[in-house]
């Protein structure tokens, strides 16, 4: 049974698998990916496209692509490094 995709905005904290991170940029509606997700990978900001699989958020499977490092100046990297506050729900 499919669950409707949660409404998210750039800056929202989300969980992809067992990793918490921030929605960095939303793809246009109808795109095969939902958004860019930025998370900490061994203390280094990393980003990866994410999809809604009908039940939960999942990393997009792109042959040969395993994410890329995010620059310190990119949106939401500073917030990511500060950590999630109790006031920031996980979507």
N, C-alpha and C. Protein backbone atom coordinates (compact mmCIF):
# COMPACT_ATOMS: atom_id res chain seq x y z
N UNK A 1 0.84 -1.18 0.00
CA UNK A 1 0.00 0.00 0.00
C UNK A 1 0.88 1.24 0.00
N UNK A 2 0.59 2.16 -0.88
CA UNK A 2 1.35 3.38 -1.02
C UNK A 2 0.86 4.45 -0.04
N UNK A 3 1.79 5.21 0.49
CA UNK A 3 1.49 6.32 1.40
C UNK A 3 1.75 7.60 0.63
N UNK A 4 0.88 8.60 0.79
CA UNK A 4 1.10 9.84 0.05
C UNK A 4 2.38 10.53 0.55
N UNK A 5 3.08 11.13 -0.38
CA UNK A 5 4.35 11.77 -0.09
C UNK A 5 4.14 12.96 0.85
N UNK A 6 4.93 13.06 1.93
CA UNK A 6 4.81 14.21 2.82
C UNK A 6 5.15 15.50 2.09
N UNK A 7 4.50 16.57 2.47
CA UNK A 7 4.83 17.89 1.92
C UNK A 7 6.07 18.39 2.64
N UNK A 8 7.07 18.73 1.86
CA UNK A 8 8.34 19.21 2.44
C UNK A 8 8.73 20.51 1.77
N UNK A 9 9.63 21.22 2.43
CA UNK A 9 10.18 22.47 1.90
C UNK A 9 11.68 22.45 2.12
N UNK A 10 12.39 23.24 1.35
CA UNK A 10 13.83 23.39 1.57
C UNK A 10 14.03 23.85 3.01
N UNK A 11 15.00 23.24 3.67
CA UNK A 11 15.28 23.56 5.07
C UNK A 11 14.67 22.59 6.06
N UNK A 12 13.73 21.74 5.61
CA UNK A 12 13.14 20.73 6.50
C UNK A 12 14.15 19.64 6.79
N UNK A 13 14.11 19.13 8.01
CA UNK A 13 14.89 17.94 8.37
C UNK A 13 14.09 16.73 7.93
N UNK A 14 14.76 15.76 7.32
CA UNK A 14 14.12 14.51 6.91
C UNK A 14 15.04 13.35 7.27
N UNK A 15 14.47 12.15 7.26
CA UNK A 15 15.26 10.94 7.49
C UNK A 15 15.21 10.11 6.21
N UNK A 16 16.38 9.75 5.72
CA UNK A 16 16.50 8.87 4.55
C UNK A 16 17.22 7.63 5.05
N UNK A 17 16.50 6.51 5.07
CA UNK A 17 17.06 5.31 5.70
C UNK A 17 17.22 5.60 7.18
N UNK A 18 18.44 5.50 7.69
CA UNK A 18 18.70 5.83 9.09
C UNK A 18 19.53 7.09 9.23
N UNK A 19 19.52 7.94 8.20
CA UNK A 19 20.33 9.15 8.19
C UNK A 19 19.43 10.38 8.24
N UNK A 20 19.68 11.26 9.21
CA UNK A 20 18.97 12.54 9.30
C UNK A 20 19.75 13.60 8.54
N UNK A 21 19.03 14.45 7.83
CA UNK A 21 19.67 15.52 7.08
C UNK A 21 18.64 16.56 6.71
N UNK A 22 19.00 17.46 5.83
CA UNK A 22 18.17 18.60 5.48
C UNK A 22 17.87 18.60 3.98
N UNK A 23 16.62 18.96 3.65
CA UNK A 23 16.24 19.15 2.25
C UNK A 23 16.96 20.41 1.78
N UNK A 24 17.80 20.26 0.78
CA UNK A 24 18.58 21.40 0.30
C UNK A 24 17.89 22.12 -0.85
N UNK A 25 17.35 21.37 -1.77
CA UNK A 25 16.71 21.98 -2.95
C UNK A 25 15.64 21.02 -3.46
N UNK A 26 14.46 21.54 -3.73
CA UNK A 26 13.34 20.74 -4.24
C UNK A 26 13.41 20.69 -5.77
N UNK A 27 13.22 19.50 -6.31
CA UNK A 27 13.12 19.37 -7.76
C UNK A 27 11.71 19.77 -8.20
N UNK A 28 11.54 20.23 -9.44
CA UNK A 28 10.19 20.57 -9.94
C UNK A 28 9.27 19.34 -9.92
N UNK A 29 7.99 19.58 -9.72
CA UNK A 29 7.02 18.50 -9.71
C UNK A 29 7.09 17.73 -11.03
N UNK A 30 7.00 16.43 -10.97
CA UNK A 30 7.09 15.59 -12.16
C UNK A 30 8.49 15.10 -12.47
N UNK A 31 9.50 15.66 -11.78
CA UNK A 31 10.89 15.21 -11.97
C UNK A 31 11.03 13.83 -11.35
N UNK A 32 11.99 13.04 -11.83
CA UNK A 32 12.16 11.69 -11.28
C UNK A 32 12.72 11.69 -9.86
N UNK A 33 13.36 12.79 -9.44
CA UNK A 33 13.86 12.91 -8.06
C UNK A 33 12.99 13.91 -7.32
N UNK A 34 12.93 13.78 -6.00
CA UNK A 34 12.12 14.69 -5.20
C UNK A 34 12.91 15.91 -4.75
N UNK A 35 14.14 15.69 -4.21
CA UNK A 35 14.93 16.80 -3.72
C UNK A 35 16.38 16.40 -3.52
N UNK A 36 17.25 17.43 -3.37
CA UNK A 36 18.63 17.21 -2.95
C UNK A 36 18.62 17.14 -1.44
N UNK A 37 19.30 16.16 -0.89
CA UNK A 37 19.38 15.91 0.53
C UNK A 37 20.82 16.13 0.96
N UNK A 38 21.05 16.93 1.99
CA UNK A 38 22.40 17.15 2.47
C UNK A 38 22.51 16.54 3.87
N UNK A 39 23.57 15.79 4.10
CA UNK A 39 23.76 15.08 5.37
C UNK A 39 25.25 15.00 5.68
N UNK A 40 25.57 14.63 6.91
CA UNK A 40 26.97 14.49 7.30
C UNK A 40 27.42 13.05 7.09
N UNK A 41 28.47 12.90 6.32
CA UNK A 41 29.07 11.59 6.05
C UNK A 41 30.47 11.64 6.65
N UNK A 42 30.62 11.04 7.81
CA UNK A 42 31.90 11.10 8.53
C UNK A 42 32.35 12.55 8.70
N UNK A 43 31.47 13.40 9.16
CA UNK A 43 31.72 14.81 9.48
C UNK A 43 31.88 15.70 8.25
N UNK A 44 31.70 15.17 7.06
CA UNK A 44 31.83 15.96 5.84
C UNK A 44 30.45 16.11 5.20
N UNK A 45 30.01 17.34 4.94
CA UNK A 45 28.70 17.53 4.31
C UNK A 45 28.65 16.87 2.93
N UNK A 46 27.65 16.05 2.73
CA UNK A 46 27.49 15.27 1.50
C UNK A 46 26.07 15.45 1.00
N UNK A 47 25.87 15.41 -0.31
CA UNK A 47 24.51 15.56 -0.83
C UNK A 47 24.21 14.46 -1.84
N UNK A 48 22.92 14.17 -1.95
CA UNK A 48 22.50 13.09 -2.83
C UNK A 48 21.03 13.32 -3.17
N UNK A 49 20.61 13.02 -4.42
CA UNK A 49 19.19 13.12 -4.75
C UNK A 49 18.39 12.05 -4.01
N UNK A 50 17.15 12.40 -3.67
CA UNK A 50 16.26 11.51 -2.91
C UNK A 50 14.94 11.37 -3.66
N UNK A 51 14.31 10.21 -3.50
CA UNK A 51 13.00 9.93 -4.10
C UNK A 51 12.04 9.47 -3.02
N UNK A 52 10.74 9.58 -3.30
CA UNK A 52 9.71 8.99 -2.45
C UNK A 52 9.35 7.66 -3.11
N UNK A 53 9.50 6.55 -2.39
CA UNK A 53 9.27 5.24 -3.01
C UNK A 53 7.86 4.71 -2.75
N UNK A 54 6.98 5.54 -2.24
CA UNK A 54 5.61 5.12 -1.95
C UNK A 54 5.39 4.81 -0.48
N UNK A 55 6.50 4.67 0.26
CA UNK A 55 6.41 4.40 1.69
C UNK A 55 7.34 5.28 2.52
N UNK A 56 8.51 5.60 1.97
CA UNK A 56 9.49 6.40 2.70
C UNK A 56 10.48 7.04 1.73
N UNK A 57 11.29 7.97 2.26
CA UNK A 57 12.32 8.61 1.46
C UNK A 57 13.46 7.61 1.25
N UNK A 58 14.04 7.61 0.05
CA UNK A 58 15.14 6.71 -0.27
C UNK A 58 16.14 7.43 -1.18
N UNK A 59 17.41 7.05 -1.07
CA UNK A 59 18.40 7.61 -1.98
C UNK A 59 18.09 7.15 -3.40
N UNK A 60 18.16 8.08 -4.35
CA UNK A 60 17.96 7.73 -5.75
C UNK A 60 19.08 6.80 -6.19
N UNK A 61 18.73 5.78 -6.91
CA UNK A 61 19.73 4.84 -7.42
C UNK A 61 20.20 5.32 -8.78
N UNK A 62 21.42 5.82 -8.81
CA UNK A 62 22.01 6.33 -10.03
C UNK A 62 23.29 5.54 -10.26
N UNK A 63 23.36 4.71 -11.29
CA UNK A 63 24.55 3.89 -11.52
C UNK A 63 25.83 4.73 -11.53
N UNK A 64 26.79 4.33 -10.69
CA UNK A 64 28.08 5.01 -10.64
C UNK A 64 28.10 6.28 -9.82
N UNK A 65 26.97 6.70 -9.22
CA UNK A 65 26.94 7.93 -8.43
C UNK A 65 26.68 7.59 -6.97
N UNK A 66 27.53 8.09 -6.10
CA UNK A 66 27.43 7.76 -4.68
C UNK A 66 27.33 9.01 -3.81
N UNK A 67 26.87 10.10 -4.38
CA UNK A 67 26.79 11.36 -3.64
C UNK A 67 27.99 12.22 -3.97
N UNK A 68 27.92 13.47 -3.54
CA UNK A 68 29.03 14.39 -3.74
C UNK A 68 29.16 15.27 -2.51
N UNK A 69 30.35 15.74 -2.26
CA UNK A 69 30.55 16.61 -1.11
C UNK A 69 29.92 17.97 -1.37
N UNK A 70 29.33 18.53 -0.33
CA UNK A 70 28.73 19.86 -0.41
C UNK A 70 29.75 20.88 0.07
N UNK A 71 29.77 22.03 -0.55
CA UNK A 71 30.66 23.11 -0.13
C UNK A 71 30.10 23.76 1.13
N UNK A 72 30.99 24.29 1.94
CA UNK A 72 30.58 24.95 3.18
C UNK A 72 29.62 26.11 2.91
N UNK A 73 29.73 26.73 1.74
CA UNK A 73 28.91 27.89 1.40
C UNK A 73 27.53 27.53 0.84
N UNK A 74 27.28 26.24 0.62
CA UNK A 74 25.99 25.83 0.05
C UNK A 74 24.87 25.99 1.08
N UNK A 75 23.63 26.15 0.57
CA UNK A 75 22.49 26.32 1.47
C UNK A 75 22.34 25.15 2.46
N UNK A 76 22.07 25.49 3.70
CA UNK A 76 21.75 24.58 4.80
C UNK A 76 22.92 23.77 5.34
N UNK A 77 24.12 23.95 4.83
CA UNK A 77 25.26 23.23 5.37
C UNK A 77 25.56 23.72 6.79
N UNK A 78 25.51 25.02 7.02
CA UNK A 78 25.74 25.55 8.36
C UNK A 78 24.73 24.98 9.34
N UNK A 79 23.43 25.00 8.96
CA UNK A 79 22.37 24.48 9.82
C UNK A 79 22.58 22.99 10.11
N UNK A 80 23.01 22.26 9.10
CA UNK A 80 23.28 20.84 9.25
C UNK A 80 24.34 20.62 10.32
N UNK A 81 25.41 21.39 10.26
CA UNK A 81 26.50 21.23 11.22
C UNK A 81 26.10 21.63 12.64
N UNK A 82 25.08 22.49 12.76
CA UNK A 82 24.61 22.88 14.09
C UNK A 82 23.78 21.77 14.74
N UNK A 83 23.23 20.90 13.92
CA UNK A 83 22.42 19.79 14.43
C UNK A 83 20.95 20.16 14.49
N UNK A 84 20.12 19.14 14.62
CA UNK A 84 18.67 19.31 14.64
C UNK A 84 18.20 19.69 16.02
N UNK A 85 17.37 20.70 16.08
CA UNK A 85 16.74 21.12 17.32
C UNK A 85 15.47 20.32 17.54
N UNK A 86 15.04 20.21 18.76
CA UNK A 86 13.79 19.51 19.08
C UNK A 86 12.60 20.19 18.37
N UNK A 87 12.76 21.46 18.02
CA UNK A 87 11.70 22.21 17.34
C UNK A 87 11.63 21.90 15.86
N UNK A 88 12.60 21.18 15.33
CA UNK A 88 12.63 20.83 13.91
C UNK A 88 12.18 19.40 13.73
N UNK A 89 10.92 19.19 13.31
CA UNK A 89 10.45 17.81 13.14
C UNK A 89 11.12 17.11 11.97
N UNK A 90 11.13 15.80 12.02
CA UNK A 90 11.65 14.98 10.94
C UNK A 90 10.49 14.57 10.05
N UNK A 91 10.63 14.75 8.74
CA UNK A 91 9.59 14.34 7.78
C UNK A 91 9.96 13.04 7.15
